[in-house]
Amino acid sequence: MLKLDAIDRKIIRALQANGRMTNLDLAAAVNLSPSPCLRRLRLLEQSGAITGYSVDVDAQAYGLPVTVMVRITLDKHTQDVVGHFEDQMKRIPEVLECMVMTGLSDYLLRVVVSDLEGYERFVRERLHPIGGIGSIDTSFVYGVVKRTHVYPEVG
């Protein structure tokens, strides 16, 4: 992995705030001329430091206004059970994030659905058939205080 310096981090932060900015605007934002800025950007992409580009979408406007945080505890922690569960998580479109956790739960999922009935279908049709799940603990998100994709400065 490429070792990032302060300018690389400035480039990343600027693109996290506005991934559609032109190279000319990016260069101005990070105080570089356009050619060196583009070279650094390409190196960041090639090294895997920048993993892709996406668009932020309002979930309600899209039709998936319900966000659910789901804590999963597996009943066994064998390589087969863990591998199967993680493979299934990668395939379920409602699961936006699946994080391996320390503490009481093994995984934390961020799930989006259209409504309460949609969440019930998700549990019955997506989670239960996986098997190997010891417990499912659900919290519904009813408000967001802060949401950002821009990393803080490292310093």
N, C-alpha and C. Protein backbone atom coordinates (compact mmCIF):
# COMPACT_ATOMS: atom_id res chain seq x y z
N MET A 1 0.86 -1.19 0.00
CA MET A 1 0.00 0.00 0.00
C MET A 1 0.89 1.23 0.00
N LEU A 2 0.46 2.19 -0.75
CA LEU A 2 1.16 3.47 -0.87
C LEU A 2 1.14 4.21 0.47
N LYS A 3 2.27 4.75 0.88
CA LYS A 3 2.32 5.57 2.09
C LYS A 3 1.86 6.97 1.71
N LEU A 4 0.78 7.42 2.32
CA LEU A 4 0.19 8.71 1.97
C LEU A 4 0.88 9.85 2.71
N ASP A 5 1.09 10.95 2.00
CA ASP A 5 1.59 12.16 2.64
C ASP A 5 0.44 13.16 2.78
N ALA A 6 0.75 14.34 3.29
CA ALA A 6 -0.29 15.34 3.56
C ALA A 6 -1.01 15.77 2.29
N ILE A 7 -0.31 15.87 1.18
CA ILE A 7 -0.96 16.28 -0.07
C ILE A 7 -1.89 15.18 -0.57
N ASP A 8 -1.46 13.93 -0.48
CA ASP A 8 -2.33 12.81 -0.87
C ASP A 8 -3.63 12.84 -0.05
N ARG A 9 -3.50 13.09 1.25
CA ARG A 9 -4.68 13.14 2.11
C ARG A 9 -5.58 14.31 1.74
N LYS A 10 -4.98 15.45 1.37
CA LYS A 10 -5.78 16.60 0.93
C LYS A 10 -6.57 16.25 -0.33
N ILE A 11 -5.91 15.55 -1.25
CA ILE A 11 -6.59 15.13 -2.49
C ILE A 11 -7.77 14.22 -2.14
N ILE A 12 -7.53 13.26 -1.27
CA ILE A 12 -8.60 12.32 -0.88
C ILE A 12 -9.74 13.06 -0.21
N ARG A 13 -9.44 13.93 0.75
CA ARG A 13 -10.49 14.67 1.46
C ARG A 13 -11.30 15.54 0.49
N ALA A 14 -10.62 16.19 -0.44
CA ALA A 14 -11.32 17.04 -1.41
C ALA A 14 -12.27 16.20 -2.27
N LEU A 15 -11.81 15.03 -2.69
CA LEU A 15 -12.65 14.16 -3.52
C LEU A 15 -13.77 13.52 -2.70
N GLN A 16 -13.52 13.26 -1.42
CA GLN A 16 -14.60 12.74 -0.59
C GLN A 16 -15.71 13.78 -0.45
N ALA A 17 -15.35 15.04 -0.38
CA ALA A 17 -16.33 16.11 -0.26
C ALA A 17 -17.05 16.37 -1.58
N ASN A 18 -16.33 16.19 -2.71
CA ASN A 18 -16.92 16.42 -4.03
C ASN A 18 -16.20 15.55 -5.05
N GLY A 19 -16.71 14.36 -5.26
CA GLY A 19 -16.08 13.42 -6.18
C GLY A 19 -16.21 13.79 -7.64
N ARG A 20 -17.00 14.82 -7.94
CA ARG A 20 -17.20 15.24 -9.33
C ARG A 20 -16.34 16.43 -9.72
N MET A 21 -15.48 16.88 -8.82
CA MET A 21 -14.69 18.06 -9.16
C MET A 21 -13.70 17.72 -10.28
N THR A 22 -13.43 18.71 -11.11
CA THR A 22 -12.48 18.53 -12.20
C THR A 22 -11.06 18.48 -11.63
N ASN A 23 -10.15 18.00 -12.42
CA ASN A 23 -8.75 17.98 -11.99
C ASN A 23 -8.25 19.40 -11.75
N LEU A 24 -8.71 20.34 -12.55
CA LEU A 24 -8.30 21.74 -12.37
C LEU A 24 -8.76 22.27 -11.01
N ASP A 25 -10.02 21.98 -10.65
CA ASP A 25 -10.53 22.41 -9.34
C ASP A 25 -9.83 21.67 -8.21
N LEU A 26 -9.57 20.38 -8.41
CA LEU A 26 -8.87 19.59 -7.40
C LEU A 26 -7.46 20.15 -7.17
N ALA A 27 -6.77 20.43 -8.25
CA ALA A 27 -5.42 20.97 -8.15
C ALA A 27 -5.42 22.29 -7.37
N ALA A 28 -6.39 23.14 -7.66
CA ALA A 28 -6.49 24.42 -6.94
C ALA A 28 -6.80 24.18 -5.46
N ALA A 29 -7.66 23.22 -5.18
CA ALA A 29 -8.05 22.95 -3.79
C ALA A 29 -6.89 22.45 -2.94
N VAL A 30 -5.94 21.74 -3.58
CA VAL A 30 -4.82 21.17 -2.82
C VAL A 30 -3.51 21.91 -3.09
N ASN A 31 -3.60 23.03 -3.81
CA ASN A 31 -2.46 23.90 -4.06
C ASN A 31 -1.34 23.21 -4.86
N LEU A 32 -1.75 22.53 -5.93
CA LEU A 32 -0.81 21.92 -6.87
C LEU A 32 -1.14 22.41 -8.27
N SER A 33 -0.20 22.26 -9.18
CA SER A 33 -0.53 22.50 -10.58
C SER A 33 -1.24 21.25 -11.10
N PRO A 34 -2.02 21.36 -12.19
CA PRO A 34 -2.85 20.25 -12.64
C PRO A 34 -2.11 18.95 -12.98
N SER A 35 -0.96 19.03 -13.64
CA SER A 35 -0.25 17.81 -14.04
C SER A 35 0.22 16.98 -12.84
N PRO A 36 0.92 17.56 -11.87
CA PRO A 36 1.31 16.78 -10.70
C PRO A 36 0.10 16.27 -9.90
N CYS A 37 -0.96 17.06 -9.88
CA CYS A 37 -2.16 16.63 -9.17
C CYS A 37 -2.75 15.38 -9.84
N LEU A 38 -2.84 15.39 -11.16
CA LEU A 38 -3.38 14.24 -11.89
C LEU A 38 -2.48 13.02 -11.71
N ARG A 39 -1.16 13.21 -11.73
CA ARG A 39 -0.24 12.08 -11.49
C ARG A 39 -0.47 11.47 -10.12
N ARG A 40 -0.60 12.32 -9.11
CA ARG A 40 -0.85 11.82 -7.74
C ARG A 40 -2.20 11.09 -7.67
N LEU A 41 -3.21 11.67 -8.30
CA LEU A 41 -4.53 11.05 -8.30
C LEU A 41 -4.47 9.66 -8.93
N ARG A 42 -3.84 9.55 -10.07
CA ARG A 42 -3.73 8.24 -10.74
C ARG A 42 -2.97 7.23 -9.87
N LEU A 43 -1.92 7.69 -9.21
CA LEU A 43 -1.16 6.81 -8.31
C LEU A 43 -2.02 6.36 -7.13
N LEU A 44 -2.82 7.27 -6.59
CA LEU A 44 -3.73 6.91 -5.49
C LEU A 44 -4.74 5.86 -5.95
N GLU A 45 -5.23 6.00 -7.18
CA GLU A 45 -6.18 5.03 -7.72
C GLU A 45 -5.50 3.68 -7.98
N GLN A 46 -4.34 3.71 -8.61
CA GLN A 46 -3.63 2.48 -8.95
C GLN A 46 -3.17 1.71 -7.71
N SER A 47 -2.81 2.42 -6.66
CA SER A 47 -2.32 1.77 -5.44
C SER A 47 -3.45 1.16 -4.61
N GLY A 48 -4.68 1.56 -4.89
CA GLY A 48 -5.81 1.08 -4.10
C GLY A 48 -6.16 1.98 -2.93
N ALA A 49 -5.44 3.09 -2.76
CA ALA A 49 -5.80 4.04 -1.70
C ALA A 49 -7.17 4.64 -1.99
N ILE A 50 -7.45 4.94 -3.26
CA ILE A 50 -8.79 5.32 -3.69
C ILE A 50 -9.39 4.07 -4.32
N THR A 51 -10.47 3.60 -3.73
CA THR A 51 -11.05 2.32 -4.15
C THR A 51 -12.19 2.46 -5.15
N GLY A 52 -12.69 3.67 -5.37
CA GLY A 52 -13.77 3.86 -6.32
C GLY A 52 -14.44 5.20 -6.09
N TYR A 53 -15.46 5.45 -6.90
CA TYR A 53 -16.23 6.69 -6.82
C TYR A 53 -17.70 6.31 -6.77
N SER A 54 -18.47 7.10 -6.03
CA SER A 54 -19.90 6.82 -5.94
C SER A 54 -20.67 8.11 -5.75
N VAL A 55 -21.97 7.99 -5.70
CA VAL A 55 -22.84 9.14 -5.51
C VAL A 55 -23.65 8.93 -4.23
N ASP A 56 -23.84 9.99 -3.45
CA ASP A 56 -24.69 9.92 -2.27
C ASP A 56 -26.13 10.12 -2.71
N VAL A 57 -27.02 9.27 -2.23
CA VAL A 57 -28.42 9.31 -2.63
C VAL A 57 -29.30 9.39 -1.39
N ASP A 58 -30.33 10.20 -1.44
CA ASP A 58 -31.30 10.26 -0.35
C ASP A 58 -32.10 8.96 -0.35
N ALA A 59 -31.99 8.19 0.73
CA ALA A 59 -32.64 6.88 0.81
C ALA A 59 -34.15 6.98 0.72
N GLN A 60 -34.72 8.01 1.30
CA GLN A 60 -36.17 8.17 1.24
C GLN A 60 -36.63 8.44 -0.18
N ALA A 61 -35.95 9.32 -0.87
CA ALA A 61 -36.29 9.62 -2.26
C ALA A 61 -36.15 8.37 -3.12
N TYR A 62 -35.17 7.54 -2.83
CA TYR A 62 -34.93 6.31 -3.58
C TYR A 62 -35.99 5.26 -3.30
N GLY A 63 -36.66 5.36 -2.13
CA GLY A 63 -37.69 4.40 -1.78
C GLY A 63 -37.30 3.41 -0.70
N LEU A 64 -36.18 3.68 -0.02
CA LEU A 64 -35.71 2.82 1.08
C LEU A 64 -35.48 3.68 2.32
N PRO A 65 -36.54 4.22 2.91
CA PRO A 65 -36.39 5.19 3.99
C PRO A 65 -36.05 4.60 5.35
N VAL A 66 -36.14 3.29 5.51
CA VAL A 66 -35.93 2.68 6.82
C VAL A 66 -34.52 2.09 6.87
N THR A 67 -33.71 2.61 7.80
CA THR A 67 -32.37 2.07 8.04
C THR A 67 -32.41 1.30 9.35
N VAL A 68 -31.83 0.11 9.33
CA VAL A 68 -31.85 -0.77 10.49
C VAL A 68 -30.42 -1.20 10.80
N MET A 69 -30.05 -1.09 12.06
CA MET A 69 -28.77 -1.62 12.52
C MET A 69 -29.06 -2.98 13.13
N VAL A 70 -28.41 -4.01 12.61
CA VAL A 70 -28.69 -5.38 13.02
C VAL A 70 -27.41 -6.00 13.58
N ARG A 71 -27.48 -6.43 14.83
CA ARG A 71 -26.36 -7.10 15.46
C ARG A 71 -26.61 -8.61 15.37
N ILE A 72 -25.63 -9.31 14.83
CA ILE A 72 -25.73 -10.76 14.62
C ILE A 72 -24.69 -11.46 15.48
N THR A 73 -25.13 -12.51 16.16
CA THR A 73 -24.21 -13.40 16.87
C THR A 73 -24.38 -14.78 16.26
N LEU A 74 -23.28 -15.37 15.86
CA LEU A 74 -23.32 -16.72 15.28
C LEU A 74 -23.40 -17.75 16.40
N ASP A 75 -23.99 -18.90 16.09
CA ASP A 75 -24.09 -19.93 17.12
C ASP A 75 -22.79 -20.73 17.23
N LYS A 76 -22.00 -20.77 16.16
CA LYS A 76 -20.68 -21.42 16.17
C LYS A 76 -19.72 -20.53 15.40
N HIS A 77 -18.44 -20.69 15.69
CA HIS A 77 -17.44 -19.86 15.03
C HIS A 77 -16.45 -20.69 14.25
N THR A 78 -16.95 -21.75 13.64
CA THR A 78 -16.09 -22.57 12.80
C THR A 78 -15.80 -21.82 11.50
N GLN A 79 -14.77 -22.22 10.83
CA GLN A 79 -14.40 -21.57 9.58
C GLN A 79 -15.54 -21.69 8.56
N ASP A 80 -16.22 -22.83 8.53
CA ASP A 80 -17.32 -23.03 7.58
C ASP A 80 -18.49 -22.10 7.87
N VAL A 81 -18.89 -22.00 9.14
CA VAL A 81 -20.04 -21.16 9.52
C VAL A 81 -19.72 -19.70 9.24
N VAL A 82 -18.56 -19.25 9.67
CA VAL A 82 -18.16 -17.84 9.46
C VAL A 82 -18.05 -17.54 7.97
N GLY A 83 -17.38 -18.40 7.23
CA GLY A 83 -17.21 -18.20 5.79
C GLY A 83 -18.54 -18.15 5.06
N HIS A 84 -19.44 -19.07 5.40
CA HIS A 84 -20.76 -19.10 4.76
C HIS A 84 -21.53 -17.81 5.06
N PHE A 85 -21.54 -17.40 6.33
CA PHE A 85 -22.26 -16.18 6.70
C PHE A 85 -21.70 -14.98 5.95
N GLU A 86 -20.39 -14.82 5.94
CA GLU A 86 -19.79 -13.66 5.28
C GLU A 86 -20.03 -13.67 3.77
N ASP A 87 -19.98 -14.86 3.16
CA ASP A 87 -20.29 -14.95 1.72
C ASP A 87 -21.72 -14.52 1.44
N GLN A 88 -22.65 -14.93 2.30
CA GLN A 88 -24.05 -14.56 2.11
C GLN A 88 -24.26 -13.06 2.28
N MET A 89 -23.56 -12.45 3.24
CA MET A 89 -23.71 -11.01 3.46
C MET A 89 -23.31 -10.23 2.20
N LYS A 90 -22.28 -10.69 1.52
CA LYS A 90 -21.82 -10.01 0.30
C LYS A 90 -22.84 -10.07 -0.82
N ARG A 91 -23.77 -11.01 -0.74
CA ARG A 91 -24.75 -11.22 -1.80
C ARG A 91 -26.11 -10.54 -1.55
N ILE A 92 -26.35 -10.08 -0.35
CA ILE A 92 -27.67 -9.54 -0.01
C ILE A 92 -27.68 -8.04 -0.25
N PRO A 93 -28.47 -7.57 -1.21
CA PRO A 93 -28.43 -6.15 -1.58
C PRO A 93 -28.90 -5.19 -0.49
N GLU A 94 -29.78 -5.62 0.40
CA GLU A 94 -30.26 -4.73 1.46
C GLU A 94 -29.17 -4.44 2.49
N VAL A 95 -28.15 -5.28 2.55
CA VAL A 95 -27.05 -5.08 3.49
C VAL A 95 -26.04 -4.13 2.84
N LEU A 96 -26.01 -2.89 3.33
CA LEU A 96 -25.07 -1.91 2.79
C LEU A 96 -23.69 -2.05 3.41
N GLU A 97 -23.65 -2.46 4.68
CA GLU A 97 -22.37 -2.67 5.37
C GLU A 97 -22.51 -3.87 6.29
N CYS A 98 -21.45 -4.64 6.36
CA CYS A 98 -21.36 -5.76 7.31
C CYS A 98 -19.98 -5.68 7.93
N MET A 99 -19.97 -5.40 9.23
CA MET A 99 -18.71 -5.21 9.94
C MET A 99 -18.52 -6.29 10.98
N VAL A 100 -17.31 -6.84 11.07
CA VAL A 100 -16.96 -7.80 12.11
C VAL A 100 -16.67 -7.01 13.37
N MET A 101 -17.25 -7.45 14.49
CA MET A 101 -17.19 -6.66 15.71
C MET A 101 -16.54 -7.42 16.87
N THR A 102 -16.04 -6.66 17.83
CA THR A 102 -15.68 -7.21 19.12
C THR A 102 -16.87 -6.99 20.04
N GLY A 103 -16.87 -7.63 21.19
CA GLY A 103 -17.95 -7.41 22.14
C GLY A 103 -18.98 -8.52 22.09
N LEU A 104 -20.22 -8.19 22.40
CA LEU A 104 -21.27 -9.19 22.54
C LEU A 104 -21.75 -9.76 21.21
N SER A 105 -21.69 -8.98 20.14
CA SER A 105 -22.14 -9.43 18.82
C SER A 105 -20.94 -9.69 17.92
N ASP A 106 -21.14 -10.57 16.96
CA ASP A 106 -20.08 -10.88 16.01
C ASP A 106 -20.05 -9.92 14.82
N TYR A 107 -21.24 -9.47 14.40
CA TYR A 107 -21.35 -8.61 13.22
C TYR A 107 -22.34 -7.49 13.47
N LEU A 108 -22.09 -6.36 12.82
CA LEU A 108 -23.04 -5.26 12.80
C LEU A 108 -23.36 -4.98 11.34
N LEU A 109 -24.66 -5.04 11.01
CA LEU A 109 -25.11 -4.78 9.64
C LEU A 109 -25.83 -3.45 9.58
N ARG A 110 -25.64 -2.74 8.49
CA ARG A 110 -26.48 -1.58 8.18
C ARG A 110 -27.34 -2.00 7.00
N VAL A 111 -28.64 -2.03 7.24
CA VAL A 111 -29.60 -2.56 6.29
C VAL A 111 -30.59 -1.46 5.93
N VAL A 112 -31.00 -1.40 4.66
CA VAL A 112 -32.05 -0.48 4.25
C VAL A 112 -33.22 -1.27 3.68
N VAL A 113 -34.43 -0.83 4.05
CA VAL A 113 -35.66 -1.46 3.57
C VAL A 113 -36.71 -0.38 3.36
N SER A 114 -37.81 -0.77 2.72
CA SER A 114 -38.86 0.20 2.41
C SER A 114 -39.77 0.48 3.59
N ASP A 115 -39.96 -0.51 4.47
CA ASP A 115 -40.88 -0.34 5.59
C ASP A 115 -40.70 -1.48 6.58
N LEU A 116 -41.51 -1.50 7.63
CA LEU A 116 -41.40 -2.53 8.66
C LEU A 116 -41.65 -3.92 8.07
N GLU A 117 -42.62 -4.03 7.18
CA GLU A 117 -42.88 -5.31 6.53
C GLU A 117 -41.68 -5.75 5.68
N GLY A 118 -41.02 -4.79 5.07
CA GLY A 118 -39.82 -5.10 4.30
C GLY A 118 -38.72 -5.65 5.19
N TYR A 119 -38.61 -5.13 6.41
CA TYR A 119 -37.61 -5.67 7.33
C TYR A 119 -37.98 -7.09 7.77
N GLU A 120 -39.27 -7.32 8.02
CA GLU A 120 -39.69 -8.67 8.38
C GLU A 120 -39.36 -9.65 7.25
N ARG A 121 -39.62 -9.27 6.00
CA ARG A 121 -39.26 -10.13 4.86
C ARG A 121 -37.74 -10.35 4.81
N PHE A 122 -36.98 -9.30 5.06
CA PHE A 122 -35.52 -9.41 5.06
C PHE A 122 -35.07 -10.47 6.07
N VAL A 123 -35.60 -10.40 7.29
CA VAL A 123 -35.21 -11.37 8.32
C VAL A 123 -35.66 -12.78 7.94
N ARG A 124 -36.91 -12.93 7.53
CA ARG A 124 -37.45 -14.26 7.23
C ARG A 124 -36.87 -14.88 5.96
N GLU A 125 -36.67 -14.05 4.94
CA GLU A 125 -36.27 -14.59 3.63
C GLU A 125 -34.77 -14.50 3.35
N ARG A 126 -34.07 -13.59 4.02
CA ARG A 126 -32.64 -13.41 3.76
C ARG A 126 -31.77 -13.94 4.90
N LEU A 127 -32.10 -13.57 6.15
CA LEU A 127 -31.24 -13.98 7.27
C LEU A 127 -31.50 -15.41 7.73
N HIS A 128 -32.75 -15.74 8.02
CA HIS A 128 -33.04 -17.08 8.56
C HIS A 128 -32.53 -18.22 7.68
N PRO A 129 -32.67 -18.15 6.36
CA PRO A 129 -32.17 -19.27 5.54
C PRO A 129 -30.66 -19.47 5.58
N ILE A 130 -29.91 -18.49 6.02
CA ILE A 130 -28.44 -18.62 6.07
C ILE A 130 -28.05 -19.72 7.04
N GLY A 131 -28.74 -19.80 8.18
CA GLY A 131 -28.38 -20.78 9.20
C GLY A 131 -27.14 -20.32 9.97
N GLY A 132 -26.90 -20.95 11.09
CA GLY A 132 -25.73 -20.65 11.89
C GLY A 132 -25.84 -19.38 12.72
N ILE A 133 -26.99 -18.71 12.68
CA ILE A 133 -27.18 -17.47 13.43
C ILE A 133 -27.77 -17.81 14.78
N GLY A 134 -27.07 -17.39 15.85
CA GLY A 134 -27.54 -17.64 17.20
C GLY A 134 -28.53 -16.59 17.67
N SER A 135 -28.29 -15.31 17.32
CA SER A 135 -29.21 -14.26 17.71
C SER A 135 -29.14 -13.09 16.74
N ILE A 136 -30.27 -12.39 16.66
CA ILE A 136 -30.43 -11.19 15.84
C ILE A 136 -30.98 -10.11 16.75
N ASP A 137 -30.27 -8.99 16.87
CA ASP A 137 -30.72 -7.87 17.70
C ASP A 137 -30.86 -6.66 16.78
N THR A 138 -32.03 -6.05 16.78
CA THR A 138 -32.37 -5.01 15.81
C THR A 138 -32.59 -3.67 16.47
N SER A 139 -32.04 -2.61 15.85
CA SER A 139 -32.34 -1.23 16.25
C SER A 139 -32.70 -0.46 15.00
N PHE A 140 -33.84 0.24 15.05
CA PHE A 140 -34.28 1.05 13.92
C PHE A 140 -33.73 2.47 14.09
N VAL A 141 -33.19 3.00 13.02
CA VAL A 141 -32.67 4.37 13.01
C VAL A 141 -33.85 5.31 12.78
N TYR A 142 -34.09 6.24 13.69
CA TYR A 142 -35.18 7.18 13.48
C TYR A 142 -34.69 8.60 13.27
N GLY A 143 -33.41 8.78 13.22
CA GLY A 143 -32.85 10.09 12.92
C GLY A 143 -31.34 9.99 12.76
N VAL A 144 -30.78 10.91 12.02
CA VAL A 144 -29.34 10.96 11.80
C VAL A 144 -28.84 12.32 12.24
N VAL A 145 -27.91 12.33 13.18
CA VAL A 145 -27.33 13.57 13.68
C VAL A 145 -26.19 14.03 12.78
N LYS A 146 -25.38 13.08 12.32
CA LYS A 146 -24.25 13.41 11.46
C LYS A 146 -24.00 12.26 10.51
N ARG A 147 -23.72 12.60 9.26
CA ARG A 147 -23.35 11.60 8.26
C ARG A 147 -22.33 12.24 7.34
N THR A 148 -21.16 11.65 7.27
CA THR A 148 -20.13 12.16 6.38
C THR A 148 -19.30 10.99 5.87
N HIS A 149 -18.69 11.21 4.72
CA HIS A 149 -17.75 10.24 4.17
C HIS A 149 -16.34 10.84 4.13
N VAL A 150 -16.21 12.06 4.64
CA VAL A 150 -14.93 12.75 4.60
C VAL A 150 -14.14 12.42 5.86
N TYR A 151 -12.98 11.82 5.69
CA TYR A 151 -12.15 11.47 6.83
C TYR A 151 -11.59 12.72 7.50
N PRO A 152 -11.33 12.65 8.80
CA PRO A 152 -10.70 13.79 9.47
C PRO A 152 -9.23 13.90 9.05
N GLU A 153 -8.66 15.04 9.27
CA GLU A 153 -7.23 15.22 8.97
C GLU A 153 -6.41 14.35 9.90
N VAL A 154 -5.31 13.85 9.38
CA VAL A 154 -4.38 13.05 10.19
C VAL A 154 -3.26 13.98 10.62
N GLY A 155 -2.98 13.93 11.88
CA GLY A 155 -2.01 14.91 12.20
C GLY A 155 -1.19 14.80 13.36
